[in-house]
Full PDB file with SEQRES, HELIX, SHEET, SSBOND, CRYST1, ORIGX, SCALE, CONECT and MASTER records, all heavy atoms in Angstrom:
SEQRES   1 A   31  ILE GLY VAL LEU PRO VAL GLN VAL SER PRO GLU PHE LEU          
SEQRES   2 A   31  LYS ASN ILE PHE ASP ALA ILE GLU ALA ASN PRO LYS THR          
SEQRES   3 A   31  GLU ILE GLU ILE ASN                                          
HELIX    1 AA1 PRO A   10  ALA A   22  1                                  13    
CRYST1    1.000    1.000    1.000  90.00  90.00  90.00 P 1           1          
ORIGX1      1.000000  0.000000  0.000000        0.00000                         
ORIGX2      0.000000  1.000000  0.000000        0.00000                         
ORIGX3      0.000000  0.000000  1.000000        0.00000                         
SCALE1      1.000000  0.000000  0.000000        0.00000                         
SCALE2      0.000000  1.000000  0.000000        0.00000                         
SCALE3      0.000000  0.000000  1.000000        0.00000                         
ATOM      1  N   ILE A   1      74.486-134.684 -62.595  1.00  0.00           N  
ATOM      2  CA  ILE A   1      75.656-134.908 -61.772  1.00  0.00           C  
ATOM      3  C   ILE A   1      75.856-133.907 -60.645  1.00  0.00           C  
ATOM      4  O   ILE A   1      76.940-133.915 -60.032  1.00  0.00           O  
ATOM      5  CB  ILE A   1      76.897-134.888 -62.761  1.00  0.00           C  
ATOM      6  CG1 ILE A   1      77.063-133.566 -63.499  1.00  0.00           C  
ATOM      7  CG2 ILE A   1      76.907-136.018 -63.680  1.00  0.00           C  
ATOM      8  CD1 ILE A   1      78.367-132.865 -63.166  1.00  0.00           C  
ATOM      9  N   GLY A   2      74.858-133.039 -60.415  1.00  0.00           N  
ATOM     10  CA  GLY A   2      74.948-132.218 -59.206  1.00  0.00           C  
ATOM     11  C   GLY A   2      75.329-130.812 -59.430  1.00  0.00           C  
ATOM     12  O   GLY A   2      75.644-130.116 -58.483  1.00  0.00           O  
ATOM     13  N   VAL A   3      75.300-130.320 -60.648  1.00  0.00           N  
ATOM     14  CA  VAL A   3      75.540-128.961 -60.956  1.00  0.00           C  
ATOM     15  C   VAL A   3      74.117-128.295 -61.270  1.00  0.00           C  
ATOM     16  O   VAL A   3      73.394-128.802 -62.154  1.00  0.00           O  
ATOM     17  CB  VAL A   3      76.424-128.708 -62.172  1.00  0.00           C  
ATOM     18  CG1 VAL A   3      76.505-127.254 -62.544  1.00  0.00           C  
ATOM     19  CG2 VAL A   3      77.817-129.294 -61.847  1.00  0.00           C  
ATOM     20  N   LEU A   4      73.758-127.249 -60.537  1.00  0.00           N  
ATOM     21  CA  LEU A   4      72.480-126.692 -60.709  1.00  0.00           C  
ATOM     22  C   LEU A   4      72.515-125.534 -61.807  1.00  0.00           C  
ATOM     23  O   LEU A   4      73.168-124.552 -61.575  1.00  0.00           O  
ATOM     24  CB  LEU A   4      71.935-126.064 -59.364  1.00  0.00           C  
ATOM     25  CG  LEU A   4      70.574-125.414 -59.418  1.00  0.00           C  
ATOM     26  CD1 LEU A   4      69.422-126.398 -59.836  1.00  0.00           C  
ATOM     27  CD2 LEU A   4      70.233-124.743 -58.079  1.00  0.00           C  
ATOM     28  N   PRO A   5      71.833-125.733 -62.927  1.00  0.00           N  
ATOM     29  CA  PRO A   5      71.739-124.707 -63.877  1.00  0.00           C  
ATOM     30  C   PRO A   5      70.568-123.726 -63.590  1.00  0.00           C  
ATOM     31  O   PRO A   5      69.478-124.144 -63.550  1.00  0.00           O  
ATOM     32  CB  PRO A   5      71.466-125.426 -65.213  1.00  0.00           C  
ATOM     33  CG  PRO A   5      70.840-126.698 -64.779  1.00  0.00           C  
ATOM     34  CD  PRO A   5      71.194-126.980 -63.421  1.00  0.00           C  
ATOM     35  N   VAL A   6      70.942-122.490 -63.272  1.00  0.00           N  
ATOM     36  CA  VAL A   6      69.864-121.556 -62.934  1.00  0.00           C  
ATOM     37  C   VAL A   6      69.713-120.555 -64.107  1.00  0.00           C  
ATOM     38  O   VAL A   6      70.610-119.734 -64.399  1.00  0.00           O  
ATOM     39  CB  VAL A   6      70.251-120.779 -61.642  1.00  0.00           C  
ATOM     40  CG1 VAL A   6      69.301-119.665 -61.355  1.00  0.00           C  
ATOM     41  CG2 VAL A   6      70.312-121.715 -60.481  1.00  0.00           C  
ATOM     42  N   GLN A   7      68.556-120.586 -64.710  1.00  0.00           N  
ATOM     43  CA  GLN A   7      68.237-119.645 -65.805  1.00  0.00           C  
ATOM     44  C   GLN A   7      67.456-118.406 -65.310  1.00  0.00           C  
ATOM     45  O   GLN A   7      66.465-118.550 -64.665  1.00  0.00           O  
ATOM     46  CB  GLN A   7      67.422-120.344 -66.873  1.00  0.00           C  
ATOM     47  CG  GLN A   7      67.231-119.550 -68.156  1.00  0.00           C  
ATOM     48  CD  GLN A   7      66.678-120.387 -69.300  1.00  0.00           C  
ATOM     49  OE1 GLN A   7      67.180-121.488 -69.606  1.00  0.00           O  
ATOM     50  NE2 GLN A   7      65.762-119.809 -70.059  1.00  0.00           N  
ATOM     51  N   VAL A   8      68.043-117.228 -65.670  1.00  0.00           N  
ATOM     52  CA  VAL A   8      67.465-116.011 -65.194  1.00  0.00           C  
ATOM     53  C   VAL A   8      67.146-115.139 -66.382  1.00  0.00           C  
ATOM     54  O   VAL A   8      67.575-115.474 -67.523  1.00  0.00           O  
ATOM     55  CB  VAL A   8      68.467-115.253 -64.236  1.00  0.00           C  
ATOM     56  CG1 VAL A   8      68.732-116.140 -62.989  1.00  0.00           C  
ATOM     57  CG2 VAL A   8      69.842-114.930 -64.960  1.00  0.00           C  
ATOM     58  N   SER A   9      66.479-114.071 -66.129  1.00  0.00           N  
ATOM     59  CA  SER A   9      66.180-113.098 -67.235  1.00  0.00           C  
ATOM     60  C   SER A   9      67.442-112.392 -67.636  1.00  0.00           C  
ATOM     61  O   SER A   9      68.370-112.263 -66.855  1.00  0.00           O  
ATOM     62  CB  SER A   9      65.139-112.071 -66.760  1.00  0.00           C  
ATOM     63  OG  SER A   9      65.677-111.242 -65.726  1.00  0.00           O  
ATOM     64  N   PRO A  10      67.490-111.920 -68.913  1.00  0.00           N  
ATOM     65  CA  PRO A  10      68.653-111.168 -69.378  1.00  0.00           C  
ATOM     66  C   PRO A  10      68.883-109.938 -68.462  1.00  0.00           C  
ATOM     67  O   PRO A  10      70.065-109.625 -68.182  1.00  0.00           O  
ATOM     68  CB  PRO A  10      68.287-110.689 -70.718  1.00  0.00           C  
ATOM     69  CG  PRO A  10      67.250-111.780 -71.243  1.00  0.00           C  
ATOM     70  CD  PRO A  10      66.489-112.138 -69.979  1.00  0.00           C  
ATOM     71  N   GLU A  11      67.828-109.303 -67.971  1.00  0.00           N  
ATOM     72  CA  GLU A  11      67.962-108.166 -67.126  1.00  0.00           C  
ATOM     73  C   GLU A  11      68.701-108.487 -65.763  1.00  0.00           C  
ATOM     74  O   GLU A  11      69.555-107.792 -65.344  1.00  0.00           O  
ATOM     75  CB  GLU A  11      66.621-107.512 -66.858  1.00  0.00           C  
ATOM     76  CG  GLU A  11      66.012-106.903 -68.148  1.00  0.00           C  
ATOM     77  CD  GLU A  11      65.317-107.918 -68.986  1.00  0.00           C  
ATOM     78  OE1 GLU A  11      65.165-109.087 -68.553  1.00  0.00           O  
ATOM     79  OE2 GLU A  11      65.065-107.655 -70.193  1.00  0.00           O  
ATOM     80  N   PHE A  12      68.209-109.632 -65.176  1.00  0.00           N  
ATOM     81  CA  PHE A  12      68.794-109.994 -63.923  1.00  0.00           C  
ATOM     82  C   PHE A  12      70.226-110.477 -64.118  1.00  0.00           C  
ATOM     83  O   PHE A  12      71.073-110.207 -63.260  1.00  0.00           O  
ATOM     84  CB  PHE A  12      67.961-111.116 -63.289  1.00  0.00           C  
ATOM     85  CG  PHE A  12      68.254-111.372 -61.804  1.00  0.00           C  
ATOM     86  CD1 PHE A  12      67.820-110.480 -60.788  1.00  0.00           C  
ATOM     87  CD2 PHE A  12      69.042-112.454 -61.434  1.00  0.00           C  
ATOM     88  CE1 PHE A  12      68.106-110.711 -59.517  1.00  0.00           C  
ATOM     89  CE2 PHE A  12      69.373-112.653 -60.075  1.00  0.00           C  
ATOM     90  CZ  PHE A  12      68.914-111.858 -59.133  1.00  0.00           C  
ATOM     91  N   LEU A  13      70.543-111.172 -65.221  1.00  0.00           N  
ATOM     92  CA  LEU A  13      71.906-111.606 -65.457  1.00  0.00           C  
ATOM     93  C   LEU A  13      72.848-110.415 -65.510  1.00  0.00           C  
ATOM     94  O   LEU A  13      73.920-110.412 -64.960  1.00  0.00           O  
ATOM     95  CB  LEU A  13      71.909-112.391 -66.820  1.00  0.00           C  
ATOM     96  CG  LEU A  13      73.323-112.957 -67.207  1.00  0.00           C  
ATOM     97  CD1 LEU A  13      73.772-114.046 -66.144  1.00  0.00           C  
ATOM     98  CD2 LEU A  13      73.298-113.558 -68.542  1.00  0.00           C  
ATOM     99  N   LYS A  14      72.384-109.369 -66.225  1.00  0.00           N  
ATOM    100  CA  LYS A  14      73.166-108.089 -66.288  1.00  0.00           C  
ATOM    101  C   LYS A  14      73.418-107.515 -64.914  1.00  0.00           C  
ATOM    102  O   LYS A  14      74.497-106.991 -64.610  1.00  0.00           O  
ATOM    103  CB  LYS A  14      72.509-107.055 -67.163  1.00  0.00           C  
ATOM    104  CG  LYS A  14      73.334-105.763 -67.340  1.00  0.00           C  
ATOM    105  CD  LYS A  14      72.576-104.740 -68.251  1.00  0.00           C  
ATOM    106  CE  LYS A  14      73.468-103.544 -68.483  1.00  0.00           C  
ATOM    107  NZ  LYS A  14      73.868-102.816 -67.234  1.00  0.00           N  
ATOM    108  N   ASN A  15      72.360-107.576 -64.079  1.00  0.00           N  
ATOM    109  CA  ASN A  15      72.506-107.030 -62.696  1.00  0.00           C  
ATOM    110  C   ASN A  15      73.646-107.861 -61.941  1.00  0.00           C  
ATOM    111  O   ASN A  15      74.390-107.227 -61.147  1.00  0.00           O  
ATOM    112  CB  ASN A  15      71.212-107.119 -61.983  1.00  0.00           C  
ATOM    113  CG  ASN A  15      70.207-106.065 -62.520  1.00  0.00           C  
ATOM    114  OD1 ASN A  15      70.542-105.216 -63.289  1.00  0.00           O  
ATOM    115  ND2 ASN A  15      68.957-106.260 -62.115  1.00  0.00           N  
ATOM    116  N   ILE A  16      73.633-109.181 -62.174  1.00  0.00           N  
ATOM    117  CA  ILE A  16      74.650-109.990 -61.496  1.00  0.00           C  
ATOM    118  C   ILE A  16      76.059-109.556 -61.940  1.00  0.00           C  
ATOM    119  O   ILE A  16      76.973-109.367 -61.170  1.00  0.00           O  
ATOM    120  CB  ILE A  16      74.374-111.491 -61.720  1.00  0.00           C  
ATOM    121  CG1 ILE A  16      73.119-111.958 -61.159  1.00  0.00           C  
ATOM    122  CG2 ILE A  16      75.522-112.293 -61.171  1.00  0.00           C  
ATOM    123  CD1 ILE A  16      72.732-113.343 -61.467  1.00  0.00           C  
ATOM    124  N   PHE A  17      76.212-109.427 -63.331  1.00  0.00           N  
ATOM    125  CA  PHE A  17      77.484-109.090 -63.844  1.00  0.00           C  
ATOM    126  C   PHE A  17      77.970-107.711 -63.321  1.00  0.00           C  
ATOM    127  O   PHE A  17      79.127-107.472 -62.956  1.00  0.00           O  
ATOM    128  CB  PHE A  17      77.468-109.041 -65.365  1.00  0.00           C  
ATOM    129  CG  PHE A  17      77.613-110.393 -66.012  1.00  0.00           C  
ATOM    130  CD1 PHE A  17      76.775-110.754 -67.051  1.00  0.00           C  
ATOM    131  CD2 PHE A  17      78.567-111.277 -65.596  1.00  0.00           C  
ATOM    132  CE1 PHE A  17      76.824-112.063 -67.613  1.00  0.00           C  
ATOM    133  CE2 PHE A  17      78.721-112.548 -66.228  1.00  0.00           C  
ATOM    134  CZ  PHE A  17      77.826-112.910 -67.241  1.00  0.00           C  
ATOM    135  N   ASP A  18      77.027-106.796 -63.305  1.00  0.00           N  
ATOM    136  CA  ASP A  18      77.282-105.422 -62.767  1.00  0.00           C  
ATOM    137  C   ASP A  18      77.708-105.427 -61.314  1.00  0.00           C  
ATOM    138  O   ASP A  18      78.688-104.798 -60.875  1.00  0.00           O  
ATOM    139  CB  ASP A  18      76.130-104.537 -62.950  1.00  0.00           C  
ATOM    140  CG  ASP A  18      75.812-104.154 -64.358  1.00  0.00           C  
ATOM    141  OD1 ASP A  18      76.721-104.417 -65.316  1.00  0.00           O  
ATOM    142  OD2 ASP A  18      74.693-103.635 -64.701  1.00  0.00           O  
ATOM    143  N   ALA A  19      77.048-106.261 -60.531  1.00  0.00           N  
ATOM    144  CA  ALA A  19      77.357-106.364 -59.057  1.00  0.00           C  
ATOM    145  C   ALA A  19      78.674-106.923 -58.888  1.00  0.00           C  
ATOM    146  O   ALA A  19      79.534-106.450 -57.988  1.00  0.00           O  
ATOM    147  CB  ALA A  19      76.347-107.176 -58.349  1.00  0.00           C  
ATOM    148  N   ILE A  20      79.060-107.946 -59.619  1.00  0.00           N  
ATOM    149  CA  ILE A  20      80.356-108.610 -59.498  1.00  0.00           C  
ATOM    150  C   ILE A  20      81.530-107.671 -59.966  1.00  0.00           C  
ATOM    151  O   ILE A  20      82.551-107.609 -59.367  1.00  0.00           O  
ATOM    152  CB  ILE A  20      80.472-109.961 -60.289  1.00  0.00           C  
ATOM    153  CG1 ILE A  20      79.432-110.900 -59.644  1.00  0.00           C  
ATOM    154  CG2 ILE A  20      81.837-110.550 -60.193  1.00  0.00           C  
ATOM    155  CD1 ILE A  20      79.258-112.204 -60.447  1.00  0.00           C  
ATOM    156  N   GLU A  21      81.228-106.925 -61.023  1.00  0.00           N  
ATOM    157  CA  GLU A  21      82.207-106.028 -61.540  1.00  0.00           C  
ATOM    158  C   GLU A  21      82.431-104.929 -60.508  1.00  0.00           C  
ATOM    159  O   GLU A  21      83.602-104.493 -60.314  1.00  0.00           O  
ATOM    160  CB  GLU A  21      81.778-105.346 -62.861  1.00  0.00           C  
ATOM    161  CG  GLU A  21      82.753-104.397 -63.494  1.00  0.00           C  
ATOM    162  CD  GLU A  21      82.295-103.813 -64.752  1.00  0.00           C  
ATOM    163  OE1 GLU A  21      81.078-104.121 -65.239  1.00  0.00           O  
ATOM    164  OE2 GLU A  21      83.076-103.054 -65.380  1.00  0.00           O  
ATOM    165  N   ALA A  22      81.412-104.444 -59.798  1.00  0.00           N  
ATOM    166  CA  ALA A  22      81.525-103.385 -58.837  1.00  0.00           C  
ATOM    167  C   ALA A  22      82.315-103.929 -57.584  1.00  0.00           C  
ATOM    168  O   ALA A  22      83.102-103.173 -56.957  1.00  0.00           O  
ATOM    169  CB  ALA A  22      80.170-102.886 -58.449  1.00  0.00           C  
ATOM    170  N   ASN A  23      81.954-105.172 -57.313  1.00  0.00           N  
ATOM    171  CA  ASN A  23      82.682-105.765 -56.072  1.00  0.00           C  
ATOM    172  C   ASN A  23      82.798-107.336 -56.316  1.00  0.00           C  
ATOM    173  O   ASN A  23      81.838-108.089 -56.184  1.00  0.00           O  
ATOM    174  CB  ASN A  23      81.809-105.508 -54.826  1.00  0.00           C  
ATOM    175  CG  ASN A  23      82.430-106.154 -53.566  1.00  0.00           C  
ATOM    176  OD1 ASN A  23      83.588-106.612 -53.613  1.00  0.00           O  
ATOM    177  ND2 ASN A  23      81.693-106.204 -52.505  1.00  0.00           N  
ATOM    178  N   PRO A  24      84.026-107.810 -56.659  1.00  0.00           N  
ATOM    179  CA  PRO A  24      84.223-109.187 -56.805  1.00  0.00           C  
ATOM    180  C   PRO A  24      83.854-110.084 -55.651  1.00  0.00           C  
ATOM    181  O   PRO A  24      83.668-111.299 -55.805  1.00  0.00           O  
ATOM    182  CB  PRO A  24      85.701-109.316 -57.183  1.00  0.00           C  
ATOM    183  CG  PRO A  24      86.081-107.957 -57.629  1.00  0.00           C  
ATOM    184  CD  PRO A  24      85.242-106.978 -56.769  1.00  0.00           C  
ATOM    185  N   LYS A  25      83.674-109.480 -54.433  1.00  0.00           N  
ATOM    186  CA  LYS A  25      83.320-110.306 -53.268  1.00  0.00           C  
ATOM    187  C   LYS A  25      81.797-110.292 -53.143  1.00  0.00           C  
ATOM    188  O   LYS A  25      81.314-110.827 -52.064  1.00  0.00           O  
ATOM    189  CB  LYS A  25      83.964-109.676 -52.036  1.00  0.00           C  
ATOM    190  CG  LYS A  25      85.517-109.653 -52.053  1.00  0.00           C  
ATOM    191  CD  LYS A  25      86.081-111.054 -52.255  1.00  0.00           C  
ATOM    192  CE  LYS A  25      87.586-111.055 -52.251  1.00  0.00           C  
ATOM    193  NZ  LYS A  25      88.090-112.417 -52.479  1.00  0.00           N  
ATOM    194  N   THR A  26      81.102-109.886 -54.086  1.00  0.00           N  
ATOM    195  CA  THR A  26      79.615-110.008 -54.080  1.00  0.00           C  
ATOM    196  C   THR A  26      79.178-111.427 -53.898  1.00  0.00           C  
ATOM    197  O   THR A  26      79.678-112.250 -54.626  1.00  0.00           O  
ATOM    198  CB  THR A  26      79.036-109.366 -55.331  1.00  0.00           C  
ATOM    199  OG1 THR A  26      79.228-107.982 -55.374  1.00  0.00           O  
ATOM    200  CG2 THR A  26      77.535-109.657 -55.415  1.00  0.00           C  
ATOM    201  N   GLU A  27      78.309-111.640 -52.969  1.00  0.00           N  
ATOM    202  CA  GLU A  27      77.827-113.019 -52.778  1.00  0.00           C  
ATOM    203  C   GLU A  27      76.394-113.162 -53.415  1.00  0.00           C  
ATOM    204  O   GLU A  27      75.623-112.273 -53.495  1.00  0.00           O  
ATOM    205  CB  GLU A  27      77.655-113.315 -51.255  1.00  0.00           C  
ATOM    206  CG  GLU A  27      78.975-113.485 -50.522  1.00  0.00           C  
ATOM    207  CD  GLU A  27      78.846-114.036 -49.158  1.00  0.00           C  
ATOM    208  OE1 GLU A  27      77.792-113.680 -48.494  1.00  0.00           O  
ATOM    209  OE2 GLU A  27      79.682-114.822 -48.747  1.00  0.00           O  
ATOM    210  N   ILE A  28      76.221-114.381 -53.945  1.00  0.00           N  
ATOM    211  CA  ILE A  28      74.970-114.722 -54.568  1.00  0.00           C  
ATOM    212  C   ILE A  28      74.434-115.949 -53.771  1.00  0.00           C  
ATOM    213  O   ILE A  28      75.156-116.875 -53.387  1.00  0.00           O  
ATOM    214  CB  ILE A  28      75.247-115.234 -56.027  1.00  0.00           C  
ATOM    215  CG1 ILE A  28      75.961-114.160 -56.878  1.00  0.00           C  
ATOM    216  CG2 ILE A  28      73.867-115.545 -56.699  1.00  0.00           C  
ATOM    217  CD1 ILE A  28      75.226-112.841 -57.085  1.00  0.00           C  
ATOM    218  N   GLU A  29      73.114-115.897 -53.469  1.00  0.00           N  
ATOM    219  CA  GLU A  29      72.461-117.003 -52.793  1.00  0.00           C  
ATOM    220  C   GLU A  29      71.587-117.706 -53.797  1.00  0.00           C  
ATOM    221  O   GLU A  29      70.712-117.174 -54.421  1.00  0.00           O  
ATOM    222  CB  GLU A  29      71.641-116.513 -51.651  1.00  0.00           C  
ATOM    223  CG  GLU A  29      70.926-117.630 -50.925  1.00  0.00           C  
ATOM    224  CD  GLU A  29      69.888-117.135 -49.930  1.00  0.00           C  
ATOM    225  OE1 GLU A  29      70.336-116.906 -48.707  1.00  0.00           O  
ATOM    226  OE2 GLU A  29      68.753-116.896 -50.252  1.00  0.00           O  
ATOM    227  N   ILE A  30      71.795-119.011 -53.853  1.00  0.00           N  
ATOM    228  CA  ILE A  30      70.911-119.917 -54.604  1.00  0.00           C  
ATOM    229  C   ILE A  30      70.116-120.741 -53.604  1.00  0.00           C  
ATOM    230  O   ILE A  30      70.721-121.578 -52.943  1.00  0.00           O  
ATOM    231  CB  ILE A  30      71.732-120.864 -55.532  1.00  0.00           C  
ATOM    232  CG1 ILE A  30      72.745-120.081 -56.380  1.00  0.00           C  
ATOM    233  CG2 ILE A  30      70.804-121.677 -56.453  1.00  0.00           C  
ATOM    234  CD1 ILE A  30      72.123-119.116 -57.393  1.00  0.00           C  
ATOM    235  N   ASN A  31      68.832-120.512 -53.582  1.00  0.00           N  
ATOM    236  CA  ASN A  31      67.925-121.258 -52.611  1.00  0.00           C  
ATOM    237  C   ASN A  31      67.177-122.266 -53.440  1.00  0.00           C  
ATOM    238  O   ASN A  31      66.166-121.909 -54.110  1.00  0.00           O  
ATOM    239  CB  ASN A  31      67.058-120.272 -51.881  1.00  0.00           C  
ATOM    240  CG  ASN A  31      66.259-120.906 -50.788  1.00  0.00           C  
ATOM    241  OD1 ASN A  31      65.685-122.013 -51.040  1.00  0.00           O  
ATOM    242  ND2 ASN A  31      66.137-120.233 -49.711  1.00  0.00           N  
TER     243      ASN A  31                                                      
MASTER        0    0    0    1    0    0    0    6  242    1    0    3          
END                                                                             
């Protein structure tokens, strides 16, 4: 239905959470 599920490593997932916690305006690019 048009939702892209992106599976990442546990380490990268933690990095994303840490980045958003540090700055909620953090942008993520899905290519």
